[in-house]
Amino acid sequence: MPAGLTQQRHRVAIDRHLVPYYGRPAAEPGELRRGAAKAGTPRFHCSATASLLRNGRRLTLALAFVWAEDAVLAVLQELLDRLDRLGIRPKRLFLDRGFASVASFGDLAEQPFLSVVALPKRGKRLQALLTGRQSDRTTYTTSAEDGAITFPLWGARHDAAGRRGTTRPDAAGSRGSSTGPLPCWASRTAPGRYGCWPKSTGRALGSKPATG
């Protein structure tokens, strides 16, 4: 690990990775996690990573295999514990939608750093929010087996490249267009109208530096 990383706080991305699997489990049934069908299968080998975002580069510092029975919060806590053992202190934590759960929100709200979690684009209210071009804020209630929570829902505007003032071709091959707001949960404050969700997470989100 490069010297000096423990002397300051960092922007960290935590991501879930799904690898489609078509055969029988190689060793144990629990090695395959079920989810929404992708590439013709609902079964995946799943892992999660915690990576440092620094100078436009990504440095993966922790990797965890995710078993079928593993709770989302347990995986999140394992990765944060590993970072802590390495002496890495997050300044701002970005999590993909695989970590959007009631339990995760409750845990992240107690952390000393700002956390921003992308949300799955499901439900009529989320779809209505996504039709706009401006950042927006509303309240949203989500529920799961571990409870329910109502929280401010941010729709952060971002462009296709994930950087202010730049674009990349969209699905139709045109340039100069912006995608609609991306729904997200933030632990303390608005993620900001402009800026970017770190490109290394594979998603874009307004992440203007926030107070605190």
N, C-alpha and C. Protein backbone atom coordinates (compact mmCIF):
# COMPACT_ATOMS: atom_id res chain seq x y z
N MET A 1 0.85 -1.18 0.00
CA MET A 1 0.00 0.00 0.00
C MET A 1 0.89 1.24 0.00
N PRO A 2 0.61 2.24 -0.86
CA PRO A 2 1.43 3.44 -0.91
C PRO A 2 1.55 4.12 0.45
N ALA A 3 2.74 4.65 0.72
CA ALA A 3 2.98 5.31 1.99
C ALA A 3 2.15 6.59 2.09
N GLY A 4 1.78 6.94 3.30
CA GLY A 4 1.09 8.19 3.55
C GLY A 4 -0.42 8.13 3.45
N LEU A 5 -0.98 7.00 3.06
CA LEU A 5 -2.43 6.92 2.91
C LEU A 5 -3.17 7.01 4.23
N THR A 6 -2.52 6.63 5.31
CA THR A 6 -3.18 6.66 6.61
C THR A 6 -3.13 8.03 7.27
N GLN A 7 -2.48 8.99 6.61
CA GLN A 7 -2.33 10.31 7.21
C GLN A 7 -3.49 11.25 6.90
N GLN A 8 -4.40 10.83 6.04
CA GLN A 8 -5.52 11.69 5.67
C GLN A 8 -6.76 10.85 5.40
N ARG A 9 -7.89 11.53 5.30
CA ARG A 9 -9.14 10.85 5.00
C ARG A 9 -9.35 10.80 3.48
N HIS A 10 -10.11 9.81 3.02
CA HIS A 10 -10.22 9.57 1.58
C HIS A 10 -11.66 9.37 1.13
N ARG A 11 -11.84 9.53 -0.17
CA ARG A 11 -13.08 9.14 -0.82
C ARG A 11 -12.99 7.65 -1.11
N VAL A 12 -14.02 6.91 -0.70
CA VAL A 12 -14.01 5.46 -0.82
C VAL A 12 -15.27 5.00 -1.55
N ALA A 13 -15.12 4.03 -2.42
CA ALA A 13 -16.27 3.43 -3.12
C ALA A 13 -16.42 1.98 -2.71
N ILE A 14 -17.63 1.58 -2.39
CA ILE A 14 -17.93 0.18 -2.09
C ILE A 14 -18.92 -0.32 -3.13
N ASP A 15 -18.55 -1.40 -3.80
CA ASP A 15 -19.33 -1.92 -4.91
C ASP A 15 -19.62 -3.40 -4.76
N ARG A 16 -20.75 -3.81 -5.29
CA ARG A 16 -21.08 -5.23 -5.37
C ARG A 16 -20.86 -5.70 -6.80
N HIS A 17 -20.33 -6.90 -6.96
CA HIS A 17 -20.03 -7.44 -8.28
C HIS A 17 -20.73 -8.78 -8.45
N LEU A 18 -21.50 -8.91 -9.52
CA LEU A 18 -22.23 -10.14 -9.80
C LEU A 18 -21.70 -10.78 -11.08
N VAL A 19 -21.29 -12.04 -10.98
CA VAL A 19 -20.80 -12.79 -12.14
C VAL A 19 -21.82 -13.87 -12.45
N PRO A 20 -22.52 -13.79 -13.58
CA PRO A 20 -23.55 -14.79 -13.91
C PRO A 20 -22.97 -16.21 -13.91
N TYR A 21 -23.78 -17.15 -13.39
CA TYR A 21 -23.34 -18.54 -13.29
C TYR A 21 -24.45 -19.45 -13.79
N TYR A 22 -24.10 -20.44 -14.59
CA TYR A 22 -25.11 -21.26 -15.25
C TYR A 22 -25.12 -22.72 -14.80
N GLY A 23 -24.08 -23.18 -14.15
CA GLY A 23 -24.02 -24.58 -13.76
C GLY A 23 -24.40 -24.79 -12.31
N ARG A 24 -24.08 -25.97 -11.82
CA ARG A 24 -24.31 -26.28 -10.42
C ARG A 24 -23.18 -25.71 -9.57
N PRO A 25 -23.43 -25.50 -8.27
CA PRO A 25 -22.36 -25.00 -7.40
C PRO A 25 -21.14 -25.91 -7.46
N ALA A 26 -19.97 -25.31 -7.54
CA ALA A 26 -18.74 -26.08 -7.64
C ALA A 26 -18.38 -26.76 -6.33
N ALA A 27 -18.68 -26.11 -5.20
CA ALA A 27 -18.30 -26.66 -3.91
C ALA A 27 -19.47 -26.71 -2.93
N GLU A 28 -20.10 -25.54 -2.68
CA GLU A 28 -21.17 -25.46 -1.70
C GLU A 28 -22.38 -24.75 -2.31
N PRO A 29 -23.59 -25.17 -1.97
CA PRO A 29 -24.79 -24.51 -2.51
C PRO A 29 -24.83 -23.02 -2.19
N GLY A 30 -24.30 -22.64 -1.03
CA GLY A 30 -24.35 -21.25 -0.62
C GLY A 30 -23.44 -20.32 -1.37
N GLU A 31 -22.64 -20.85 -2.29
CA GLU A 31 -21.72 -19.98 -3.02
C GLU A 31 -22.43 -19.19 -4.11
N LEU A 32 -23.67 -19.57 -4.44
CA LEU A 32 -24.43 -18.88 -5.47
C LEU A 32 -25.51 -18.02 -4.84
N ARG A 33 -25.55 -16.77 -5.24
CA ARG A 33 -26.54 -15.83 -4.71
C ARG A 33 -27.57 -15.55 -5.80
N ARG A 34 -28.82 -15.55 -5.43
CA ARG A 34 -29.89 -15.31 -6.39
C ARG A 34 -30.21 -13.82 -6.47
N GLY A 35 -30.67 -13.40 -7.64
CA GLY A 35 -31.03 -12.01 -7.85
C GLY A 35 -31.85 -11.87 -9.11
N ALA A 36 -32.11 -10.63 -9.51
CA ALA A 36 -32.84 -10.39 -10.75
C ALA A 36 -32.06 -10.99 -11.91
N ALA A 37 -32.77 -11.63 -12.83
CA ALA A 37 -32.11 -12.31 -13.94
C ALA A 37 -31.23 -11.35 -14.74
N LYS A 38 -30.06 -11.82 -15.08
CA LYS A 38 -29.10 -11.06 -15.86
C LYS A 38 -28.33 -12.04 -16.73
N ALA A 39 -28.21 -11.72 -18.01
CA ALA A 39 -27.51 -12.60 -18.95
C ALA A 39 -28.10 -14.01 -18.94
N GLY A 40 -29.41 -14.09 -18.74
CA GLY A 40 -30.09 -15.36 -18.84
C GLY A 40 -30.05 -16.25 -17.62
N THR A 41 -29.65 -15.71 -16.47
CA THR A 41 -29.61 -16.52 -15.25
C THR A 41 -29.89 -15.66 -14.02
N PRO A 42 -30.56 -16.22 -13.00
CA PRO A 42 -30.79 -15.50 -11.75
C PRO A 42 -29.77 -15.86 -10.68
N ARG A 43 -28.73 -16.63 -11.03
CA ARG A 43 -27.75 -17.09 -10.05
C ARG A 43 -26.38 -16.50 -10.37
N PHE A 44 -25.70 -16.09 -9.30
CA PHE A 44 -24.43 -15.39 -9.50
C PHE A 44 -23.41 -15.78 -8.43
N HIS A 45 -22.15 -15.67 -8.80
CA HIS A 45 -21.10 -15.57 -7.80
C HIS A 45 -21.01 -14.08 -7.47
N CYS A 46 -21.05 -13.76 -6.20
CA CYS A 46 -21.12 -12.37 -5.78
C CYS A 46 -19.93 -12.01 -4.90
N SER A 47 -19.37 -10.84 -5.13
CA SER A 47 -18.30 -10.33 -4.28
C SER A 47 -18.52 -8.85 -4.06
N ALA A 48 -17.80 -8.28 -3.12
CA ALA A 48 -17.90 -6.85 -2.84
C ALA A 48 -16.50 -6.31 -2.60
N THR A 49 -16.26 -5.08 -3.03
CA THR A 49 -14.95 -4.47 -2.88
C THR A 49 -15.05 -3.09 -2.25
N ALA A 50 -13.99 -2.70 -1.58
CA ALA A 50 -13.84 -1.34 -1.07
C ALA A 50 -12.59 -0.76 -1.71
N SER A 51 -12.75 0.37 -2.38
CA SER A 51 -11.65 0.94 -3.14
C SER A 51 -11.44 2.41 -2.80
N LEU A 52 -10.18 2.79 -2.79
CA LEU A 52 -9.79 4.18 -2.57
C LEU A 52 -9.90 4.92 -3.90
N LEU A 53 -10.47 6.11 -3.90
CA LEU A 53 -10.58 6.94 -5.09
C LEU A 53 -9.62 8.11 -4.92
N ARG A 54 -8.57 8.10 -5.71
CA ARG A 54 -7.51 9.10 -5.50
C ARG A 54 -6.88 9.49 -6.83
N ASN A 55 -6.88 10.80 -7.10
CA ASN A 55 -6.25 11.32 -8.31
C ASN A 55 -6.79 10.65 -9.58
N GLY A 56 -8.10 10.41 -9.59
CA GLY A 56 -8.70 9.81 -10.76
C GLY A 56 -8.43 8.33 -10.92
N ARG A 57 -7.82 7.73 -9.93
CA ARG A 57 -7.50 6.31 -9.99
C ARG A 57 -8.21 5.55 -8.88
N ARG A 58 -8.27 4.26 -9.04
CA ARG A 58 -8.95 3.39 -8.10
C ARG A 58 -7.95 2.38 -7.54
N LEU A 59 -7.89 2.30 -6.21
CA LEU A 59 -7.02 1.34 -5.54
C LEU A 59 -7.89 0.45 -4.66
N THR A 60 -8.08 -0.80 -5.07
CA THR A 60 -8.91 -1.73 -4.31
C THR A 60 -8.12 -2.27 -3.12
N LEU A 61 -8.67 -2.06 -1.93
CA LEU A 61 -7.96 -2.44 -0.70
C LEU A 61 -8.62 -3.60 0.03
N ALA A 62 -9.88 -3.88 -0.26
CA ALA A 62 -10.57 -4.96 0.46
C ALA A 62 -11.51 -5.69 -0.50
N LEU A 63 -11.54 -7.01 -0.37
CA LEU A 63 -12.40 -7.86 -1.19
C LEU A 63 -13.07 -8.89 -0.30
N ALA A 64 -14.37 -9.04 -0.46
CA ALA A 64 -15.12 -10.02 0.33
C ALA A 64 -16.00 -10.85 -0.58
N PHE A 65 -15.96 -12.17 -0.41
CA PHE A 65 -16.89 -13.04 -1.13
C PHE A 65 -18.23 -12.98 -0.40
N VAL A 66 -19.30 -12.86 -1.16
CA VAL A 66 -20.63 -12.73 -0.57
C VAL A 66 -21.39 -14.04 -0.76
N TRP A 67 -21.68 -14.71 0.34
CA TRP A 67 -22.40 -15.97 0.31
C TRP A 67 -23.90 -15.71 0.20
N ALA A 68 -24.64 -16.75 -0.16
CA ALA A 68 -26.09 -16.61 -0.37
C ALA A 68 -26.80 -16.09 0.87
N GLU A 69 -26.35 -16.51 2.06
CA GLU A 69 -27.04 -16.13 3.29
C GLU A 69 -26.52 -14.83 3.90
N ASP A 70 -25.51 -14.22 3.32
CA ASP A 70 -24.92 -13.02 3.91
C ASP A 70 -25.87 -11.83 3.80
N ALA A 71 -26.07 -11.13 4.90
CA ALA A 71 -26.88 -9.92 4.90
C ALA A 71 -26.07 -8.76 4.34
N VAL A 72 -26.75 -7.82 3.70
CA VAL A 72 -26.07 -6.67 3.11
C VAL A 72 -25.28 -5.90 4.16
N LEU A 73 -25.88 -5.67 5.33
CA LEU A 73 -25.21 -4.92 6.38
C LEU A 73 -23.95 -5.63 6.85
N ALA A 74 -23.99 -6.95 6.97
CA ALA A 74 -22.82 -7.70 7.41
C ALA A 74 -21.67 -7.55 6.43
N VAL A 75 -21.96 -7.55 5.14
CA VAL A 75 -20.92 -7.37 4.12
C VAL A 75 -20.34 -5.96 4.22
N LEU A 76 -21.20 -4.96 4.37
CA LEU A 76 -20.74 -3.58 4.51
C LEU A 76 -19.84 -3.43 5.72
N GLN A 77 -20.24 -3.97 6.85
CA GLN A 77 -19.45 -3.85 8.06
C GLN A 77 -18.11 -4.57 7.94
N GLU A 78 -18.10 -5.71 7.25
CA GLU A 78 -16.85 -6.43 7.05
C GLU A 78 -15.85 -5.59 6.25
N LEU A 79 -16.32 -4.94 5.20
CA LEU A 79 -15.43 -4.12 4.39
C LEU A 79 -14.94 -2.90 5.16
N LEU A 80 -15.83 -2.26 5.92
CA LEU A 80 -15.41 -1.11 6.72
C LEU A 80 -14.42 -1.52 7.79
N ASP A 81 -14.61 -2.69 8.39
CA ASP A 81 -13.67 -3.19 9.40
C ASP A 81 -12.30 -3.44 8.78
N ARG A 82 -12.27 -3.96 7.58
CA ARG A 82 -10.99 -4.21 6.92
C ARG A 82 -10.26 -2.91 6.63
N LEU A 83 -11.01 -1.91 6.18
CA LEU A 83 -10.39 -0.60 5.95
C LEU A 83 -9.84 -0.03 7.25
N ASP A 84 -10.59 -0.20 8.33
CA ASP A 84 -10.15 0.31 9.62
C ASP A 84 -8.85 -0.37 10.07
N ARG A 85 -8.74 -1.67 9.83
CA ARG A 85 -7.52 -2.38 10.21
C ARG A 85 -6.32 -1.92 9.39
N LEU A 86 -6.59 -1.44 8.17
CA LEU A 86 -5.51 -0.91 7.33
C LEU A 86 -5.18 0.54 7.68
N GLY A 87 -5.98 1.14 8.54
CA GLY A 87 -5.75 2.54 8.90
C GLY A 87 -6.34 3.53 7.92
N ILE A 88 -7.26 3.07 7.07
CA ILE A 88 -7.89 3.94 6.08
C ILE A 88 -9.17 4.53 6.66
N ARG A 89 -9.26 5.85 6.67
CA ARG A 89 -10.42 6.55 7.22
C ARG A 89 -11.20 7.24 6.10
N PRO A 90 -12.44 6.86 5.88
CA PRO A 90 -13.23 7.50 4.82
C PRO A 90 -13.56 8.95 5.15
N LYS A 91 -13.53 9.78 4.13
CA LYS A 91 -14.03 11.15 4.22
C LYS A 91 -15.43 11.21 3.61
N ARG A 92 -15.60 10.47 2.53
CA ARG A 92 -16.87 10.39 1.84
C ARG A 92 -16.98 8.98 1.27
N LEU A 93 -18.10 8.33 1.50
CA LEU A 93 -18.28 6.94 1.09
C LEU A 93 -19.39 6.85 0.05
N PHE A 94 -19.10 6.26 -1.10
CA PHE A 94 -20.07 6.06 -2.17
C PHE A 94 -20.36 4.57 -2.29
N LEU A 95 -21.64 4.21 -2.25
CA LEU A 95 -22.03 2.80 -2.34
C LEU A 95 -23.01 2.61 -3.49
N ASP A 96 -22.85 1.50 -4.21
CA ASP A 96 -23.78 1.25 -5.30
C ASP A 96 -25.10 0.72 -4.76
N ARG A 97 -26.06 0.53 -5.66
CA ARG A 97 -27.42 0.21 -5.22
C ARG A 97 -27.53 -1.17 -4.59
N GLY A 98 -26.51 -2.00 -4.72
CA GLY A 98 -26.52 -3.29 -4.05
C GLY A 98 -26.50 -3.17 -2.53
N PHE A 99 -26.17 -1.97 -2.02
CA PHE A 99 -26.10 -1.75 -0.57
C PHE A 99 -27.25 -0.88 -0.07
N ALA A 100 -28.26 -0.69 -0.90
CA ALA A 100 -29.42 0.10 -0.50
C ALA A 100 -30.37 -0.77 0.32
N SER A 101 -30.28 -0.67 1.63
CA SER A 101 -31.16 -1.44 2.52
C SER A 101 -31.43 -0.61 3.76
N VAL A 102 -32.53 -0.92 4.42
CA VAL A 102 -32.89 -0.21 5.64
C VAL A 102 -31.79 -0.34 6.69
N ALA A 103 -31.26 -1.53 6.85
CA ALA A 103 -30.21 -1.75 7.85
C ALA A 103 -28.95 -0.96 7.52
N SER A 104 -28.58 -0.91 6.24
CA SER A 104 -27.39 -0.16 5.84
C SER A 104 -27.57 1.33 6.10
N PHE A 105 -28.76 1.87 5.79
CA PHE A 105 -29.01 3.29 6.02
C PHE A 105 -28.85 3.63 7.50
N GLY A 106 -29.41 2.78 8.36
CA GLY A 106 -29.31 3.04 9.79
C GLY A 106 -27.88 3.03 10.28
N ASP A 107 -27.08 2.09 9.80
CA ASP A 107 -25.68 2.00 10.22
C ASP A 107 -24.87 3.18 9.68
N LEU A 108 -25.06 3.52 8.43
CA LEU A 108 -24.29 4.61 7.82
C LEU A 108 -24.64 5.96 8.43
N ALA A 109 -25.88 6.12 8.88
CA ALA A 109 -26.29 7.39 9.50
C ALA A 109 -25.53 7.66 10.79
N GLU A 110 -24.99 6.61 11.41
CA GLU A 110 -24.24 6.76 12.66
C GLU A 110 -22.75 6.95 12.43
N GLN A 111 -22.30 6.85 11.21
CA GLN A 111 -20.87 6.98 10.92
C GLN A 111 -20.46 8.45 10.90
N PRO A 112 -19.18 8.75 11.17
CA PRO A 112 -18.72 10.14 11.21
C PRO A 112 -18.49 10.75 9.83
N PHE A 113 -18.59 9.97 8.77
CA PHE A 113 -18.34 10.48 7.43
C PHE A 113 -19.64 10.50 6.62
N LEU A 114 -19.65 11.29 5.56
CA LEU A 114 -20.80 11.37 4.68
C LEU A 114 -20.87 10.13 3.81
N SER A 115 -22.05 9.53 3.72
CA SER A 115 -22.26 8.37 2.86
C SER A 115 -23.36 8.69 1.86
N VAL A 116 -23.18 8.25 0.62
CA VAL A 116 -24.17 8.42 -0.43
C VAL A 116 -24.41 7.06 -1.08
N VAL A 117 -25.67 6.63 -1.10
CA VAL A 117 -26.01 5.31 -1.63
C VAL A 117 -26.95 5.47 -2.83
N ALA A 118 -26.57 4.91 -3.96
CA ALA A 118 -27.45 4.91 -5.13
C ALA A 118 -28.62 3.98 -4.86
N LEU A 119 -29.80 4.34 -5.35
CA LEU A 119 -31.01 3.54 -5.11
C LEU A 119 -31.47 2.85 -6.39
N PRO A 120 -32.05 1.66 -6.27
CA PRO A 120 -32.63 1.01 -7.45
C PRO A 120 -33.74 1.88 -8.03
N LYS A 121 -33.83 1.92 -9.34
CA LYS A 121 -34.83 2.76 -10.00
C LYS A 121 -36.15 2.01 -10.11
N ARG A 122 -36.80 1.81 -8.96
CA ARG A 122 -38.07 1.09 -8.92
C ARG A 122 -39.13 1.96 -8.27
N GLY A 123 -40.38 1.74 -8.64
CA GLY A 123 -41.49 2.45 -8.03
C GLY A 123 -41.89 3.69 -8.83
N LYS A 124 -43.17 4.05 -8.74
CA LYS A 124 -43.69 5.17 -9.51
C LYS A 124 -43.08 6.50 -9.09
N ARG A 125 -42.85 6.67 -7.78
CA ARG A 125 -42.29 7.94 -7.32
C ARG A 125 -40.87 8.12 -7.81
N LEU A 126 -40.10 7.05 -7.80
CA LEU A 126 -38.74 7.15 -8.31
C LEU A 126 -38.75 7.43 -9.80
N GLN A 127 -39.61 6.76 -10.53
CA GLN A 127 -39.68 6.98 -11.97
C GLN A 127 -40.10 8.41 -12.28
N ALA A 128 -41.02 8.96 -11.49
CA ALA A 128 -41.45 10.34 -11.70
C ALA A 128 -40.30 11.31 -11.46
N LEU A 129 -39.50 11.02 -10.45
CA LEU A 129 -38.35 11.87 -10.16
C LEU A 129 -37.34 11.82 -11.29
N LEU A 130 -37.18 10.67 -11.90
CA LEU A 130 -36.18 10.49 -12.94
C LEU A 130 -36.55 11.14 -14.25
N THR A 131 -37.80 11.59 -14.40
CA THR A 131 -38.20 12.20 -15.66
C THR A 131 -37.71 13.63 -15.78
N GLY A 132 -37.29 14.24 -14.67
CA GLY A 132 -36.85 15.62 -14.71
C GLY A 132 -35.40 15.75 -15.11
N ARG A 133 -34.96 16.99 -15.28
CA ARG A 133 -33.58 17.27 -15.64
C ARG A 133 -32.85 18.05 -14.54
N GLN A 134 -33.58 18.41 -13.51
CA GLN A 134 -32.98 19.18 -12.44
C GLN A 134 -32.85 18.33 -11.19
N SER A 135 -31.90 18.71 -10.36
CA SER A 135 -31.80 18.04 -9.08
C SER A 135 -33.07 18.31 -8.30
N ASP A 136 -33.51 17.35 -7.51
CA ASP A 136 -34.76 17.49 -6.79
C ASP A 136 -34.63 16.78 -5.46
N ARG A 137 -35.57 17.10 -4.56
CA ARG A 137 -35.56 16.48 -3.24
C ARG A 137 -37.00 16.22 -2.84
N THR A 138 -37.24 15.04 -2.30
CA THR A 138 -38.56 14.69 -1.79
C THR A 138 -38.34 13.72 -0.64
N THR A 139 -39.41 13.18 -0.10
CA THR A 139 -39.26 12.14 0.92
C THR A 139 -39.72 10.82 0.32
N TYR A 140 -39.17 9.76 0.84
CA TYR A 140 -39.44 8.44 0.28
C TYR A 140 -39.43 7.42 1.41
N THR A 141 -40.35 6.48 1.35
CA THR A 141 -40.41 5.42 2.35
C THR A 141 -40.11 4.09 1.68
N THR A 142 -39.18 3.36 2.25
CA THR A 142 -38.87 2.03 1.75
C THR A 142 -39.00 1.05 2.90
N SER A 143 -39.36 -0.16 2.58
CA SER A 143 -39.55 -1.17 3.61
C SER A 143 -38.93 -2.48 3.16
N ALA A 144 -38.56 -3.29 4.13
CA ALA A 144 -37.97 -4.60 3.86
C ALA A 144 -38.21 -5.47 5.08
N GLU A 145 -37.67 -6.67 5.05
CA GLU A 145 -37.85 -7.58 6.17
C GLU A 145 -37.27 -7.02 7.46
N ASP A 146 -36.25 -6.15 7.33
CA ASP A 146 -35.60 -5.61 8.52
C ASP A 146 -36.22 -4.29 8.97
N GLY A 147 -37.36 -3.90 8.41
CA GLY A 147 -38.04 -2.70 8.88
C GLY A 147 -38.36 -1.73 7.75
N ALA A 148 -38.77 -0.53 8.13
CA ALA A 148 -39.11 0.51 7.16
C ALA A 148 -38.45 1.81 7.59
N ILE A 149 -38.21 2.68 6.62
CA ILE A 149 -37.58 3.95 6.93
C ILE A 149 -38.06 4.99 5.93
N THR A 150 -38.31 6.21 6.43
CA THR A 150 -38.64 7.35 5.58
C THR A 150 -37.47 8.31 5.62
N PHE A 151 -37.02 8.75 4.46
CA PHE A 151 -35.82 9.58 4.42
C PHE A 151 -35.91 10.57 3.27
N PRO A 152 -35.10 11.65 3.31
CA PRO A 152 -35.05 12.56 2.17
C PRO A 152 -34.47 11.83 0.96
N LEU A 153 -35.14 11.91 -0.16
CA LEU A 153 -34.67 11.28 -1.38
C LEU A 153 -34.13 12.37 -2.30
N TRP A 154 -32.89 12.24 -2.67
CA TRP A 154 -32.26 13.22 -3.54
C TRP A 154 -32.21 12.68 -4.96
N GLY A 155 -32.56 13.55 -5.91
CA GLY A 155 -32.38 13.21 -7.31
C GLY A 155 -31.30 14.12 -7.85
N ALA A 156 -30.09 13.60 -7.93
CA ALA A 156 -28.95 14.43 -8.31
C ALA A 156 -28.74 14.40 -9.81
N ARG A 157 -28.68 15.59 -10.40
CA ARG A 157 -28.45 15.67 -11.84
C ARG A 157 -26.99 15.33 -12.12
N HIS A 158 -26.78 14.65 -13.23
CA HIS A 158 -25.41 14.34 -13.64
C HIS A 158 -25.41 14.17 -15.14
N ASP A 159 -24.23 14.32 -15.74
CA ASP A 159 -24.17 14.08 -17.18
C ASP A 159 -23.65 12.68 -17.45
N ALA A 160 -23.72 12.27 -18.69
CA ALA A 160 -23.42 10.89 -19.03
C ALA A 160 -21.99 10.51 -18.75
N ALA A 161 -21.08 11.48 -18.78
CA ALA A 161 -19.67 11.16 -18.54
C ALA A 161 -19.36 11.12 -17.07
N GLY A 162 -20.28 11.64 -16.24
CA GLY A 162 -20.01 11.66 -14.81
C GLY A 162 -19.13 12.82 -14.41
N ARG A 163 -18.94 13.81 -15.30
CA ARG A 163 -18.13 14.97 -14.96
C ARG A 163 -18.88 16.22 -15.40
N ARG A 164 -18.74 17.27 -14.65
CA ARG A 164 -19.41 18.51 -14.98
C ARG A 164 -18.86 19.05 -16.30
N GLY A 165 -19.79 19.44 -17.18
CA GLY A 165 -19.39 20.10 -18.40
C GLY A 165 -18.90 19.17 -19.50
N THR A 166 -19.01 17.87 -19.34
CA THR A 166 -18.56 16.94 -20.37
C THR A 166 -19.66 15.93 -20.64
N THR A 167 -19.63 15.35 -21.81
CA THR A 167 -20.63 14.36 -22.17
C THR A 167 -19.96 13.20 -22.88
N ARG A 168 -20.71 12.13 -23.03
CA ARG A 168 -20.25 11.01 -23.84
C ARG A 168 -21.44 10.51 -24.63
N PRO A 169 -21.24 9.72 -25.67
CA PRO A 169 -22.38 9.26 -26.46
C PRO A 169 -23.37 8.49 -25.60
N ASP A 170 -24.67 8.73 -25.84
CA ASP A 170 -25.67 7.95 -25.12
C ASP A 170 -25.96 6.68 -25.91
N ALA A 171 -27.00 5.94 -25.51
CA ALA A 171 -27.28 4.66 -26.14
C ALA A 171 -27.58 4.81 -27.63
N ALA A 172 -28.09 5.97 -28.02
CA ALA A 172 -28.42 6.17 -29.43
C ALA A 172 -27.25 6.70 -30.23
N GLY A 173 -26.14 7.00 -29.55
CA GLY A 173 -24.95 7.46 -30.24
C GLY A 173 -24.87 8.96 -30.38
N SER A 174 -25.82 9.73 -29.83
CA SER A 174 -25.77 11.17 -29.91
C SER A 174 -24.92 11.73 -28.80
N ARG A 175 -24.52 13.00 -28.94
CA ARG A 175 -23.70 13.63 -27.92
C ARG A 175 -24.43 14.84 -27.38
N GLY A 176 -23.98 15.29 -26.21
CA GLY A 176 -24.47 16.53 -25.66
C GLY A 176 -25.69 16.40 -24.79
N SER A 177 -26.18 15.20 -24.57
CA SER A 177 -27.37 15.03 -23.74
C SER A 177 -27.00 14.65 -22.33
N SER A 178 -27.86 14.99 -21.40
CA SER A 178 -27.65 14.62 -20.00
C SER A 178 -28.69 13.59 -19.60
N THR A 179 -28.31 12.70 -18.74
CA THR A 179 -29.28 11.75 -18.22
C THR A 179 -30.08 12.42 -17.12
N GLY A 180 -31.21 11.84 -16.76
CA GLY A 180 -32.04 12.41 -15.71
C GLY A 180 -31.42 12.22 -14.35
N PRO A 181 -32.05 12.78 -13.32
CA PRO A 181 -31.51 12.67 -11.97
C PRO A 181 -31.41 11.22 -11.52
N LEU A 182 -30.38 10.93 -10.76
CA LEU A 182 -30.19 9.59 -10.20
C LEU A 182 -30.66 9.61 -8.75
N PRO A 183 -31.58 8.72 -8.36
CA PRO A 183 -32.05 8.71 -6.97
C PRO A 183 -30.98 8.22 -6.03
N CYS A 184 -30.86 8.89 -4.89
CA CYS A 184 -29.83 8.48 -3.93
C CYS A 184 -30.25 8.84 -2.51
N TRP A 185 -29.66 8.13 -1.57
CA TRP A 185 -29.82 8.41 -0.15
C TRP A 185 -28.51 8.98 0.34
N ALA A 186 -28.58 10.05 1.13
CA ALA A 186 -27.37 10.65 1.70
C ALA A 186 -27.51 10.67 3.21
N SER A 187 -26.42 10.38 3.91
CA SER A 187 -26.50 10.23 5.36
C SER A 187 -26.70 11.54 6.10
N ARG A 188 -26.22 12.66 5.52
CA ARG A 188 -26.32 13.90 6.27
C ARG A 188 -26.84 15.09 5.48
N THR A 189 -26.47 15.20 4.22
CA THR A 189 -26.79 16.42 3.50
C THR A 189 -26.92 16.13 2.02
N ALA A 190 -27.35 17.12 1.25
CA ALA A 190 -27.52 16.91 -0.18
C ALA A 190 -26.19 16.63 -0.84
N PRO A 191 -26.15 15.72 -1.82
CA PRO A 191 -24.92 15.45 -2.53
C PRO A 191 -24.53 16.54 -3.50
N GLY A 192 -25.40 17.50 -3.76
CA GLY A 192 -25.03 18.61 -4.63
C GLY A 192 -25.60 18.45 -6.03
N ARG A 193 -25.79 19.56 -6.71
CA ARG A 193 -26.41 19.52 -8.03
C ARG A 193 -25.43 19.07 -9.10
N TYR A 194 -24.17 19.44 -8.94
CA TYR A 194 -23.22 19.13 -9.98
C TYR A 194 -22.03 18.39 -9.39
N GLY A 195 -21.24 17.83 -10.25
CA GLY A 195 -20.09 17.05 -9.83
C GLY A 195 -20.23 15.66 -10.40
N CYS A 196 -19.78 14.65 -9.69
CA CYS A 196 -19.90 13.32 -10.26
C CYS A 196 -19.89 12.25 -9.19
N TRP A 197 -20.63 11.19 -9.48
CA TRP A 197 -20.44 9.94 -8.76
C TRP A 197 -19.14 9.39 -9.31
N PRO A 198 -18.22 8.93 -8.48
CA PRO A 198 -16.92 8.48 -8.99
C PRO A 198 -17.07 7.52 -10.16
N LYS A 199 -16.35 7.78 -11.26
CA LYS A 199 -16.47 6.97 -12.45
C LYS A 199 -16.12 5.52 -12.17
N SER A 200 -15.25 5.29 -11.21
CA SER A 200 -14.80 3.93 -10.94
C SER A 200 -15.91 3.06 -10.37
N THR A 201 -17.00 3.67 -9.89
CA THR A 201 -18.10 2.85 -9.39
C THR A 201 -19.04 2.44 -10.51
N GLY A 202 -18.85 3.02 -11.69
CA GLY A 202 -19.70 2.66 -12.80
C GLY A 202 -21.02 3.40 -12.83
N ARG A 203 -21.17 4.42 -11.96
CA ARG A 203 -22.39 5.20 -11.93
C ARG A 203 -22.03 6.67 -11.76
N ALA A 204 -22.96 7.54 -12.10
CA ALA A 204 -22.71 8.97 -11.96
C ALA A 204 -23.71 9.57 -11.00
N LEU A 205 -23.25 10.54 -10.23
CA LEU A 205 -24.12 11.18 -9.26
C LEU A 205 -23.53 12.51 -8.87
N GLY A 206 -24.36 13.53 -8.67
CA GLY A 206 -23.85 14.80 -8.18
C GLY A 206 -23.22 14.61 -6.82
N SER A 207 -21.98 15.01 -6.65
CA SER A 207 -21.31 14.82 -5.36
C SER A 207 -20.47 16.03 -5.02
N LYS A 208 -21.06 17.19 -5.18
CA LYS A 208 -20.40 18.42 -4.81
C LYS A 208 -19.98 18.33 -3.35
N PRO A 209 -18.75 18.74 -3.01
CA PRO A 209 -18.31 18.63 -1.62
C PRO A 209 -19.34 19.20 -0.66
N ALA A 210 -19.67 18.42 0.35
CA ALA A 210 -20.71 18.82 1.29
C ALA A 210 -20.11 19.24 2.62
N THR A 211 -20.82 20.08 3.33
CA THR A 211 -20.36 20.52 4.63
C THR A 211 -20.25 19.33 5.58
N GLY A 212 -19.15 19.25 6.28
CA GLY A 212 -18.98 18.16 7.22
C GLY A 212 -18.32 16.97 6.59
